[in-house]
Amino acid sequence: FSPVDQSHSPTATDGDSREKLVESAHSDVKRREASRGALSRHWKSLLMIGLLHTVGLATSNLSLVYVSISLQQVVKSVTPSLTLALAWWEGERFPPLSVGATFCTVIGAGLMLFHNPSFHSLGFAYAAVSTVSQAFQVVLSSKLLKNAHLSSPFVAAAISIPAIVFLVPLFLYTELASFLKHPLVVDGSIYKLSLFSSCLPAMYNLTQLYLVYYTSAHYSVLLANMKTILLILLSLYIFQTSLSVLNVVGMFVALSSFVVYNYSQHQFRQENHGSSSATNTSRS
């Protein structure tokens, strides 16, 4: 018989397992303490983001009562210019080509969405408030997600609480009576539709926060304008809608400007990385 290797004996294995379990337990405790500490430090920012999310959601829906979705989306396409201005105000700098490409993307998005929109001053005001709220919400979310102990799912769950607290009672007070008389409520199909339509915004908010975390606030809203091209193509296929020459030109301008923006930012980072490497070499 070969001698027994003590390093692989049951006693040694059990001891290693116990040590790993203890280390894992200590790590979990440290993570929970870090999360509680981050929450206590940033609860005001979370509340502010939640309120901005609530205002943006409410005013966006209210604007559709007075204006068409075309005009609403034209107004919301201005969001990248607002996030660019907020990022500049906080000290972030962009090359001139990126700034020009951003504004061209905004113009292109407005052109591809323009479809003889009916104008209403109150509906336009609601859409404008929703746009400004969204811009500030994305920028504040970007700053908050830099904290390593606040994940995107946690932030998404936290900012939904003010929307539930403020909007649900408002709905119950103002719209519940007419809602119960709706034909879809009578036959029961509204509940399945509500469940489906509530899951989609939740997934969208979570995806947007992940995008903000891995890129930036400005890039996430710039990419949202590109999302509109896909929506238009789907609308062409599903609803058989028509496009004007102005819409096609807008799609081309927005897409080409987005490509130019990415190229400009890539060159800008390469130049900064090269200058930093040269500085470090000279110092050494």
C-alpha atoms as a PDB file:
ATOM      1  CA  PHE A   1       0.000   0.000   0.000  1.00  0.00           C
ATOM      2  CA  SER A   2       1.184   3.516  -0.778  1.00  0.00           C
ATOM      3  CA  PRO A   3       1.563   5.915   2.117  1.00  0.00           C
ATOM      4  CA  VAL A   4      -1.350   8.284   2.792  1.00  0.00           C
ATOM      5  CA  ASP A   5      -0.828  11.862   1.644  1.00  0.00           C
ATOM      6  CA  GLN A   6      -1.753  13.987   4.651  1.00  0.00           C
ATOM      7  CA  SER A   7      -2.315  17.079   2.525  1.00  0.00           C
ATOM      8  CA  HIS A   8      -5.322  15.385   0.907  1.00  0.00           C
ATOM      9  CA  SER A   9      -6.711  13.812   4.045  1.00  0.00           C
ATOM     10  CA  PRO A  10     -10.355  14.496   5.041  1.00  0.00           C
ATOM     11  CA  THR A  11      -9.171  16.571   7.988  1.00  0.00           C
ATOM     12  CA  ALA A  12      -7.117  18.937   5.816  1.00  0.00           C
ATOM     13  CA  THR A  13      -9.922  19.213   3.280  1.00  0.00           C
ATOM     14  CA  ASP A  14     -12.498  19.974   5.951  1.00  0.00           C
ATOM     15  CA  GLY A  15     -10.228  22.607   7.427  1.00  0.00           C
ATOM     16  CA  ASP A  16      -9.736  24.326   4.061  1.00  0.00           C
ATOM     17  CA  SER A  17     -13.488  24.264   3.437  1.00  0.00           C
ATOM     18  CA  ARG A  18     -14.174  25.834   6.821  1.00  0.00           C
ATOM     19  CA  GLU A  19     -11.612  28.566   6.158  1.00  0.00           C
ATOM     20  CA  LYS A  20     -13.161  29.321   2.761  1.00  0.00           C
ATOM     21  CA  LEU A  21     -16.633  29.476   4.285  1.00  0.00           C
ATOM     22  CA  VAL A  22     -15.416  31.847   6.988  1.00  0.00           C
ATOM     23  CA  GLU A  23     -13.679  34.062   4.421  1.00  0.00           C
ATOM     24  CA  SER A  24     -16.801  34.070   2.256  1.00  0.00           C
ATOM     25  CA  ALA A  25     -18.970  35.001   5.242  1.00  0.00           C
ATOM     26  CA  HIS A  26     -16.596  37.855   6.167  1.00  0.00           C
ATOM     27  CA  SER A  27     -16.656  39.082   2.547  1.00  0.00           C
ATOM     28  CA  ASP A  28     -20.464  39.053   2.498  1.00  0.00           C
ATOM     29  CA  VAL A  29     -20.574  41.008   5.748  1.00  0.00           C
ATOM     30  CA  LYS A  30     -18.114  43.576   4.377  1.00  0.00           C
ATOM     31  CA  ARG A  31     -20.138  43.947   1.162  1.00  0.00           C
ATOM     32  CA  ARG A  32     -23.367  44.470   3.094  1.00  0.00           C
ATOM     33  CA  GLU A  33     -21.699  47.028   5.352  1.00  0.00           C
ATOM     34  CA  ALA A  34     -20.260  48.829   2.334  1.00  0.00           C
ATOM     35  CA  SER A  35     -23.681  48.850   0.636  1.00  0.00           C
ATOM     36  CA  ARG A  36     -25.366  50.237   3.757  1.00  0.00           C
ATOM     37  CA  GLY A  37     -22.664  52.890   4.029  1.00  0.00           C
ATOM     38  CA  ALA A  38     -23.060  53.882   0.390  1.00  0.00           C
ATOM     39  CA  LEU A  39     -26.836  54.047   0.781  1.00  0.00           C
ATOM     40  CA  SER A  40     -26.547  56.278   3.857  1.00  0.00           C
ATOM     41  CA  ARG A  41     -24.157  58.600   1.993  1.00  0.00           C
ATOM     42  CA  HIS A  42     -26.077  58.798  -1.279  1.00  0.00           C
ATOM     43  CA  TRP A  43     -29.756  58.515  -0.310  1.00  0.00           C
ATOM     44  CA  LYS A  44     -30.342  62.170  -1.188  1.00  0.00           C
ATOM     45  CA  SER A  45     -28.969  61.621  -4.693  1.00  0.00           C
ATOM     46  CA  LEU A  46     -31.107  58.491  -5.093  1.00  0.00           C
ATOM     47  CA  LEU A  47     -34.179  60.433  -3.990  1.00  0.00           C
ATOM     48  CA  MET A  48     -33.402  63.258  -6.421  1.00  0.00           C
ATOM     49  CA  ILE A  49     -32.940  60.820  -9.310  1.00  0.00           C
ATOM     50  CA  GLY A  50     -36.202  59.107  -8.349  1.00  0.00           C
ATOM     51  CA  LEU A  51     -38.065  62.426  -8.322  1.00  0.00           C
ATOM     52  CA  LEU A  52     -36.608  63.380 -11.707  1.00  0.00           C
ATOM     53  CA  HIS A  53     -37.650  59.971 -13.034  1.00  0.00           C
ATOM     54  CA  THR A  54     -41.165  60.515 -11.671  1.00  0.00           C
ATOM     55  CA  VAL A  55     -41.499  64.007 -13.165  1.00  0.00           C
ATOM     56  CA  GLY A  56     -40.112  62.861 -16.508  1.00  0.00           C
ATOM     57  CA  LEU A  57     -42.465  59.884 -16.677  1.00  0.00           C
ATOM     58  CA  ALA A  58     -45.563  61.871 -15.691  1.00  0.00           C
ATOM     59  CA  THR A  59     -44.932  64.828 -18.013  1.00  0.00           C
ATOM     60  CA  SER A  60     -44.027  62.520 -20.902  1.00  0.00           C
ATOM     61  CA  ASN A  61     -47.406  60.784 -20.659  1.00  0.00           C
ATOM     62  CA  LEU A  62     -49.239  64.081 -20.138  1.00  0.00           C
ATOM     63  CA  SER A  63     -47.679  65.570 -23.271  1.00  0.00           C
ATOM     64  CA  LEU A  64     -49.230  62.805 -25.384  1.00  0.00           C
ATOM     65  CA  VAL A  65     -52.685  64.034 -24.345  1.00  0.00           C
ATOM     66  CA  TYR A  66     -52.108  67.291 -26.224  1.00  0.00           C
ATOM     67  CA  VAL A  67     -49.534  66.601 -28.963  1.00  0.00           C
ATOM     68  CA  SER A  68     -48.647  63.745 -31.268  1.00  0.00           C
ATOM     69  CA  ILE A  69     -45.882  61.307 -30.416  1.00  0.00           C
ATOM     70  CA  SER A  70     -43.963  62.740 -33.373  1.00  0.00           C
ATOM     71  CA  LEU A  71     -43.648  66.190 -31.792  1.00  0.00           C
ATOM     72  CA  GLN A  72     -42.891  64.674 -28.399  1.00  0.00           C
ATOM     73  CA  GLN A  73     -39.996  62.650 -29.807  1.00  0.00           C
ATOM     74  CA  VAL A  74     -38.710  65.668 -31.735  1.00  0.00           C
ATOM     75  CA  VAL A  75     -38.487  67.571 -28.449  1.00  0.00           C
ATOM     76  CA  LYS A  76     -36.844  64.619 -26.673  1.00  0.00           C
ATOM     77  CA  SER A  77     -34.237  64.291 -29.423  1.00  0.00           C
ATOM     78  CA  VAL A  78     -32.657  67.469 -27.997  1.00  0.00           C
ATOM     79  CA  THR A  79     -31.532  65.547 -24.872  1.00  0.00           C
ATOM     80  CA  PRO A  80     -27.926  64.886 -26.102  1.00  0.00           C
ATOM     81  CA  SER A  81     -27.299  68.619 -26.385  1.00  0.00           C
ATOM     82  CA  LEU A  82     -28.412  69.052 -22.768  1.00  0.00           C
ATOM     83  CA  THR A  83     -26.220  66.227 -21.447  1.00  0.00           C
ATOM     84  CA  LEU A  84     -23.304  67.638 -23.446  1.00  0.00           C
ATOM     85  CA  ALA A  85     -23.804  71.037 -21.801  1.00  0.00           C
ATOM     86  CA  LEU A  86     -24.073  69.459 -18.324  1.00  0.00           C
ATOM     87  CA  ALA A  87     -20.930  67.383 -18.878  1.00  0.00           C
ATOM     88  CA  TRP A  88     -19.080  70.497 -20.077  1.00  0.00           C
ATOM     89  CA  TRP A  89     -20.267  72.426 -17.013  1.00  0.00           C
ATOM     90  CA  GLU A  90     -18.872  69.676 -14.754  1.00  0.00           C
ATOM     91  CA  GLY A  91     -15.447  69.942 -16.365  1.00  0.00           C
ATOM     92  CA  GLU A  92     -15.532  67.226 -19.024  1.00  0.00           C
ATOM     93  CA  ARG A  93     -14.087  68.359 -22.352  1.00  0.00           C
ATOM     94  CA  PHE A  94     -14.926  67.178 -25.858  1.00  0.00           C
ATOM     95  CA  PRO A  95     -13.102  67.792 -29.129  1.00  0.00           C
ATOM     96  CA  PRO A  96     -14.840  70.262 -31.479  1.00  0.00           C
ATOM     97  CA  LEU A  97     -15.640  67.473 -33.940  1.00  0.00           C
ATOM     98  CA  SER A  98     -17.539  65.549 -31.240  1.00  0.00           C
ATOM     99  CA  VAL A  99     -19.508  68.662 -30.292  1.00  0.00           C
ATOM    100  CA  GLY A 100     -20.427  69.314 -33.917  1.00  0.00           C
ATOM    101  CA  ALA A 101     -21.375  65.673 -34.439  1.00  0.00           C
ATOM    102  CA  THR A 102     -23.617  65.782 -31.371  1.00  0.00           C
ATOM    103  CA  PHE A 103     -25.591  68.749 -32.663  1.00  0.00           C
ATOM    104  CA  CYS A 104     -25.812  67.204 -36.140  1.00  0.00           C
ATOM    105  CA  THR A 105     -27.168  64.025 -34.537  1.00  0.00           C
ATOM    106  CA  VAL A 106     -29.822  66.084 -32.744  1.00  0.00           C
ATOM    107  CA  ILE A 107     -30.780  67.838 -35.988  1.00  0.00           C
ATOM    108  CA  GLY A 108     -30.903  64.541 -37.868  1.00  0.00           C
ATOM    109  CA  ALA A 109     -33.079  62.936 -35.179  1.00  0.00           C
ATOM    110  CA  GLY A 110     -35.470  65.863 -35.333  1.00  0.00           C
ATOM    111  CA  LEU A 111     -35.715  65.610 -39.116  1.00  0.00           C
ATOM    112  CA  MET A 112     -36.317  61.869 -39.213  1.00  0.00           C
ATOM    113  CA  LEU A 113     -39.099  62.199 -36.600  1.00  0.00           C
ATOM    114  CA  PHE A 114     -40.783  65.234 -38.151  1.00  0.00           C
ATOM    115  CA  HIS A 115     -44.143  64.212 -39.584  1.00  0.00           C
ATOM    116  CA  ASN A 116     -46.446  67.250 -39.657  1.00  0.00           C
ATOM    117  CA  PRO A 117     -46.767  67.401 -35.852  1.00  0.00           C
ATOM    118  CA  SER A 118     -49.709  69.254 -34.338  1.00  0.00           C
ATOM    119  CA  PHE A 119     -48.484  71.956 -31.954  1.00  0.00           C
ATOM    120  CA  HIS A 120     -49.990  72.639 -28.547  1.00  0.00           C
ATOM    121  CA  SER A 121     -48.256  74.946 -26.094  1.00  0.00           C
ATOM    122  CA  LEU A 122     -49.133  72.930 -22.979  1.00  0.00           C
ATOM    123  CA  GLY A 123     -48.189  69.620 -24.604  1.00  0.00           C
ATOM    124  CA  PHE A 124     -44.904  71.142 -25.788  1.00  0.00           C
ATOM    125  CA  ALA A 125     -44.204  72.418 -22.260  1.00  0.00           C
ATOM    126  CA  TYR A 126     -44.818  68.953 -20.792  1.00  0.00           C
ATOM    127  CA  ALA A 127     -42.489  67.381 -23.372  1.00  0.00           C
ATOM    128  CA  ALA A 128     -39.809  69.998 -22.619  1.00  0.00           C
ATOM    129  CA  VAL A 129     -40.025  69.360 -18.855  1.00  0.00           C
ATOM    130  CA  SER A 130     -39.765  65.617 -19.495  1.00  0.00           C
ATOM    131  CA  THR A 131     -36.681  66.159 -21.670  1.00  0.00           C
ATOM    132  CA  VAL A 132     -34.894  68.320 -19.086  1.00  0.00           C
ATOM    133  CA  SER A 133     -35.771  65.876 -16.297  1.00  0.00           C
ATOM    134  CA  GLN A 134     -34.388  62.975 -18.303  1.00  0.00           C
ATOM    135  CA  ALA A 135     -31.137  64.824 -19.000  1.00  0.00           C
ATOM    136  CA  PHE A 136     -30.531  65.620 -15.320  1.00  0.00           C
ATOM    137  CA  GLN A 137     -31.578  62.095 -14.301  1.00  0.00           C
ATOM    138  CA  VAL A 138     -29.059  60.453 -16.633  1.00  0.00           C
ATOM    139  CA  VAL A 139     -26.227  62.758 -15.571  1.00  0.00           C
ATOM    140  CA  LEU A 140     -26.884  62.238 -11.847  1.00  0.00           C
ATOM    141  CA  SER A 141     -27.187  58.480 -12.379  1.00  0.00           C
ATOM    142  CA  SER A 142     -23.810  58.472 -14.106  1.00  0.00           C
ATOM    143  CA  LYS A 143     -22.193  60.217 -11.143  1.00  0.00           C
ATOM    144  CA  LEU A 144     -23.885  57.890  -8.666  1.00  0.00           C
ATOM    145  CA  LEU A 145     -22.904  54.689 -10.488  1.00  0.00           C
ATOM    146  CA  LYS A 146     -19.239  55.601 -10.106  1.00  0.00           C
ATOM    147  CA  ASN A 147     -19.620  54.441  -6.513  1.00  0.00           C
ATOM    148  CA  ALA A 148     -18.513  50.781  -6.513  1.00  0.00           C
ATOM    149  CA  HIS A 149     -21.061  49.730  -3.895  1.00  0.00           C
ATOM    150  CA  LEU A 150     -24.206  50.836  -5.779  1.00  0.00           C
ATOM    151  CA  SER A 151     -25.072  48.529  -8.656  1.00  0.00           C
ATOM    152  CA  SER A 152     -27.317  49.302 -11.614  1.00  0.00           C
ATOM    153  CA  PRO A 153     -30.136  46.972 -10.425  1.00  0.00           C
ATOM    154  CA  PHE A 154     -30.068  48.607  -6.983  1.00  0.00           C
ATOM    155  CA  VAL A 155     -30.258  52.125  -8.443  1.00  0.00           C
ATOM    156  CA  ALA A 156     -33.056  51.056 -10.814  1.00  0.00           C
ATOM    157  CA  ALA A 157     -35.068  49.667  -7.889  1.00  0.00           C
ATOM    158  CA  ALA A 158     -34.389  52.701  -5.688  1.00  0.00           C
ATOM    159  CA  ILE A 159     -35.451  55.324  -8.236  1.00  0.00           C
ATOM    160  CA  SER A 160     -38.711  53.475  -8.928  1.00  0.00           C
ATOM    161  CA  ILE A 161     -39.909  53.956  -5.340  1.00  0.00           C
ATOM    162  CA  PRO A 162     -40.765  57.696  -5.667  1.00  0.00           C
ATOM    163  CA  ALA A 163     -42.669  56.947  -8.892  1.00  0.00           C
ATOM    164  CA  ILE A 164     -44.798  54.362  -7.054  1.00  0.00           C
ATOM    165  CA  VAL A 165     -45.325  56.623  -4.032  1.00  0.00           C
ATOM    166  CA  PHE A 166     -46.417  59.682  -6.039  1.00  0.00           C
ATOM    167  CA  LEU A 167     -47.988  58.351  -9.238  1.00  0.00           C
ATOM    168  CA  VAL A 168     -50.092  55.453  -7.919  1.00  0.00           C
ATOM    169  CA  PRO A 169     -52.144  57.629  -5.492  1.00  0.00           C
ATOM    170  CA  LEU A 170     -52.511  60.247  -8.234  1.00  0.00           C
ATOM    171  CA  PHE A 171     -53.830  57.588 -10.606  1.00  0.00           C
ATOM    172  CA  LEU A 172     -56.238  56.227  -7.996  1.00  0.00           C
ATOM    173  CA  TYR A 173     -57.602  59.713  -7.321  1.00  0.00           C
ATOM    174  CA  THR A 174     -57.916  61.043 -10.867  1.00  0.00           C
ATOM    175  CA  GLU A 175     -58.278  58.113 -13.275  1.00  0.00           C
ATOM    176  CA  LEU A 176     -59.436  54.988 -11.441  1.00  0.00           C
ATOM    177  CA  ALA A 177     -63.163  55.554 -12.057  1.00  0.00           C
ATOM    178  CA  SER A 178     -62.783  55.972 -15.828  1.00  0.00           C
ATOM    179  CA  PHE A 179     -60.198  53.181 -15.940  1.00  0.00           C
ATOM    180  CA  LEU A 180     -62.631  50.634 -14.464  1.00  0.00           C
ATOM    181  CA  LYS A 181     -65.138  51.439 -17.228  1.00  0.00           C
ATOM    182  CA  HIS A 182     -62.660  50.762 -20.038  1.00  0.00           C
ATOM    183  CA  PRO A 183     -63.644  47.814 -22.307  1.00  0.00           C
ATOM    184  CA  LEU A 184     -60.269  46.138 -21.795  1.00  0.00           C
ATOM    185  CA  VAL A 185     -60.843  46.142 -18.034  1.00  0.00           C
ATOM    186  CA  VAL A 186     -64.293  44.622 -18.410  1.00  0.00           C
ATOM    187  CA  ASP A 187     -63.053  41.614 -20.398  1.00  0.00           C
ATOM    188  CA  GLY A 188     -59.936  41.251 -18.216  1.00  0.00           C
ATOM    189  CA  SER A 189     -57.322  41.578 -20.964  1.00  0.00           C
ATOM    190  CA  ILE A 190     -55.985  44.849 -19.530  1.00  0.00           C
ATOM    191  CA  TYR A 191     -54.206  43.019 -16.716  1.00  0.00           C
ATOM    192  CA  LYS A 192     -52.054  40.932 -19.043  1.00  0.00           C
ATOM    193  CA  LEU A 193     -51.346  44.018 -21.135  1.00  0.00           C
ATOM    194  CA  SER A 194     -50.425  46.027 -18.026  1.00  0.00           C
ATOM    195  CA  LEU A 195     -48.041  43.326 -16.814  1.00  0.00           C
ATOM    196  CA  PHE A 196     -46.327  43.178 -20.196  1.00  0.00           C
ATOM    197  CA  SER A 197     -46.148  46.968 -20.607  1.00  0.00           C
ATOM    198  CA  SER A 198     -44.726  47.411 -17.088  1.00  0.00           C
ATOM    199  CA  CYS A 199     -41.974  44.824 -17.595  1.00  0.00           C
ATOM    200  CA  LEU A 200     -40.665  46.557 -20.714  1.00  0.00           C
ATOM    201  CA  PRO A 201     -39.958  49.962 -19.048  1.00  0.00           C
ATOM    202  CA  ALA A 202     -38.308  48.169 -16.122  1.00  0.00           C
ATOM    203  CA  MET A 203     -35.974  46.338 -18.495  1.00  0.00           C
ATOM    204  CA  TYR A 204     -35.360  49.569 -20.411  1.00  0.00           C
ATOM    205  CA  ASN A 205     -34.417  51.514 -17.262  1.00  0.00           C
ATOM    206  CA  LEU A 206     -32.079  48.749 -16.109  1.00  0.00           C
ATOM    207  CA  THR A 207     -30.429  48.520 -19.535  1.00  0.00           C
ATOM    208  CA  GLN A 208     -29.994  52.288 -19.662  1.00  0.00           C
ATOM    209  CA  LEU A 209     -28.296  52.320 -16.256  1.00  0.00           C
ATOM    210  CA  TYR A 210     -25.907  49.576 -17.337  1.00  0.00           C
ATOM    211  CA  LEU A 211     -25.162  51.574 -20.492  1.00  0.00           C
ATOM    212  CA  VAL A 212     -24.531  54.716 -18.450  1.00  0.00           C
ATOM    213  CA  TYR A 213     -22.233  52.750 -16.137  1.00  0.00           C
ATOM    214  CA  TYR A 214     -20.105  51.258 -18.912  1.00  0.00           C
ATOM    215  CA  THR A 215     -20.067  54.335 -21.186  1.00  0.00           C
ATOM    216  CA  SER A 216     -21.291  57.773 -20.094  1.00  0.00           C
ATOM    217  CA  ALA A 217     -24.471  59.778 -19.619  1.00  0.00           C
ATOM    218  CA  HIS A 218     -23.950  61.677 -22.856  1.00  0.00           C
ATOM    219  CA  TYR A 219     -23.248  58.593 -24.946  1.00  0.00           C
ATOM    220  CA  SER A 220     -26.323  56.771 -23.614  1.00  0.00           C
ATOM    221  CA  VAL A 221     -28.738  59.510 -24.743  1.00  0.00           C
ATOM    222  CA  LEU A 222     -26.856  59.894 -28.027  1.00  0.00           C
ATOM    223  CA  LEU A 223     -27.377  56.191 -28.620  1.00  0.00           C
ATOM    224  CA  ALA A 224     -31.059  56.602 -27.739  1.00  0.00           C
ATOM    225  CA  ASN A 225     -31.446  58.847 -30.784  1.00  0.00           C
ATOM    226  CA  MET A 226     -30.012  56.028 -32.894  1.00  0.00           C
ATOM    227  CA  LYS A 227     -32.628  53.710 -31.395  1.00  0.00           C
ATOM    228  CA  THR A 228     -35.241  55.827 -33.162  1.00  0.00           C
ATOM    229  CA  ILE A 229     -33.991  54.627 -36.553  1.00  0.00           C
ATOM    230  CA  LEU A 230     -34.802  51.052 -35.563  1.00  0.00           C
ATOM    231  CA  LEU A 231     -38.230  52.132 -34.314  1.00  0.00           C
ATOM    232  CA  ILE A 232     -38.968  53.840 -37.625  1.00  0.00           C
ATOM    233  CA  LEU A 233     -37.943  50.750 -39.600  1.00  0.00           C
ATOM    234  CA  LEU A 234     -40.116  48.541 -37.386  1.00  0.00           C
ATOM    235  CA  SER A 235     -42.997  50.962 -37.834  1.00  0.00           C
ATOM    236  CA  LEU A 236     -42.559  50.760 -41.597  1.00  0.00           C
ATOM    237  CA  TYR A 237     -42.742  46.972 -41.476  1.00  0.00           C
ATOM    238  CA  ILE A 238     -45.514  46.516 -38.900  1.00  0.00           C
ATOM    239  CA  PHE A 239     -47.792  49.522 -39.421  1.00  0.00           C
ATOM    240  CA  GLN A 240     -46.998  50.234 -43.083  1.00  0.00           C
ATOM    241  CA  THR A 241     -46.247  53.885 -42.328  1.00  0.00           C
ATOM    242  CA  SER A 242     -44.738  56.199 -44.905  1.00  0.00           C
ATOM    243  CA  LEU A 243     -41.541  58.237 -44.854  1.00  0.00           C
ATOM    244  CA  SER A 244     -40.956  61.608 -46.409  1.00  0.00           C
ATOM    245  CA  VAL A 245     -37.727  62.677 -48.075  1.00  0.00           C
ATOM    246  CA  LEU A 246     -37.034  64.843 -45.011  1.00  0.00           C
ATOM    247  CA  ASN A 247     -37.296  61.788 -42.742  1.00  0.00           C
ATOM    248  CA  VAL A 248     -34.839  59.805 -44.884  1.00  0.00           C
ATOM    249  CA  VAL A 249     -32.383  62.717 -44.923  1.00  0.00           C
ATOM    250  CA  GLY A 250     -32.683  62.956 -41.142  1.00  0.00           C
ATOM    251  CA  MET A 251     -31.884  59.263 -40.733  1.00  0.00           C
ATOM    252  CA  PHE A 252     -28.771  59.638 -42.884  1.00  0.00           C
ATOM    253  CA  VAL A 253     -27.614  62.782 -41.043  1.00  0.00           C
ATOM    254  CA  ALA A 254     -28.169  61.233 -37.590  1.00  0.00           C
ATOM    255  CA  LEU A 255     -26.445  57.950 -38.416  1.00  0.00           C
ATOM    256  CA  SER A 256     -23.440  59.514 -40.157  1.00  0.00           C
ATOM    257  CA  SER A 257     -23.032  62.071 -37.342  1.00  0.00           C
ATOM    258  CA  PHE A 258     -23.081  59.268 -34.774  1.00  0.00           C
ATOM    259  CA  VAL A 259     -20.291  57.491 -36.667  1.00  0.00           C
ATOM    260  CA  VAL A 260     -18.281  60.731 -36.787  1.00  0.00           C
ATOM    261  CA  TYR A 261     -18.801  61.226 -33.041  1.00  0.00           C
ATOM    262  CA  ASN A 262     -17.440  57.747 -32.247  1.00  0.00           C
ATOM    263  CA  TYR A 263     -14.437  58.294 -34.511  1.00  0.00           C
ATOM    264  CA  SER A 264     -13.719  61.694 -32.947  1.00  0.00           C
ATOM    265  CA  GLN A 265     -13.916  60.338 -29.396  1.00  0.00           C
ATOM    266  CA  HIS A 266     -11.660  57.405 -30.305  1.00  0.00           C
ATOM    267  CA  GLN A 267      -9.038  59.762 -31.750  1.00  0.00           C
ATOM    268  CA  PHE A 268      -9.350  62.051 -28.732  1.00  0.00           C
ATOM    269  CA  ARG A 269      -8.697  59.176 -26.311  1.00  0.00           C
ATOM    270  CA  GLN A 270      -5.773  57.913 -28.371  1.00  0.00           C
ATOM    271  CA  GLU A 271      -4.155  61.371 -28.349  1.00  0.00           C
ATOM    272  CA  ASN A 272      -4.656  61.757 -24.593  1.00  0.00           C
ATOM    273  CA  HIS A 273      -3.270  58.270 -23.964  1.00  0.00           C
ATOM    274  CA  GLY A 274      -0.234  59.049 -26.134  1.00  0.00           C
ATOM    275  CA  SER A 275       0.444  62.355 -24.406  1.00  0.00           C
ATOM    276  CA  SER A 276       0.132  60.711 -20.960  1.00  0.00           C
ATOM    277  CA  SER A 277       2.579  57.961 -21.948  1.00  0.00           C
ATOM    278  CA  ALA A 278       5.057  60.517 -23.275  1.00  0.00           C
ATOM    279  CA  THR A 279       4.814  62.537 -20.043  1.00  0.00           C
ATOM    280  CA  ASN A 280       5.440  59.468 -17.900  1.00  0.00           C
ATOM    281  CA  THR A 281       8.424  58.461 -20.055  1.00  0.00           C
ATOM    282  CA  SER A 282      10.002  61.893 -19.783  1.00  0.00           C
ATOM    283  CA  ARG A 283       9.541  61.890 -16.001  1.00  0.00           C
ATOM    284  CA  SER A 284      11.212  58.507 -15.677  1.00  0.00           C
END
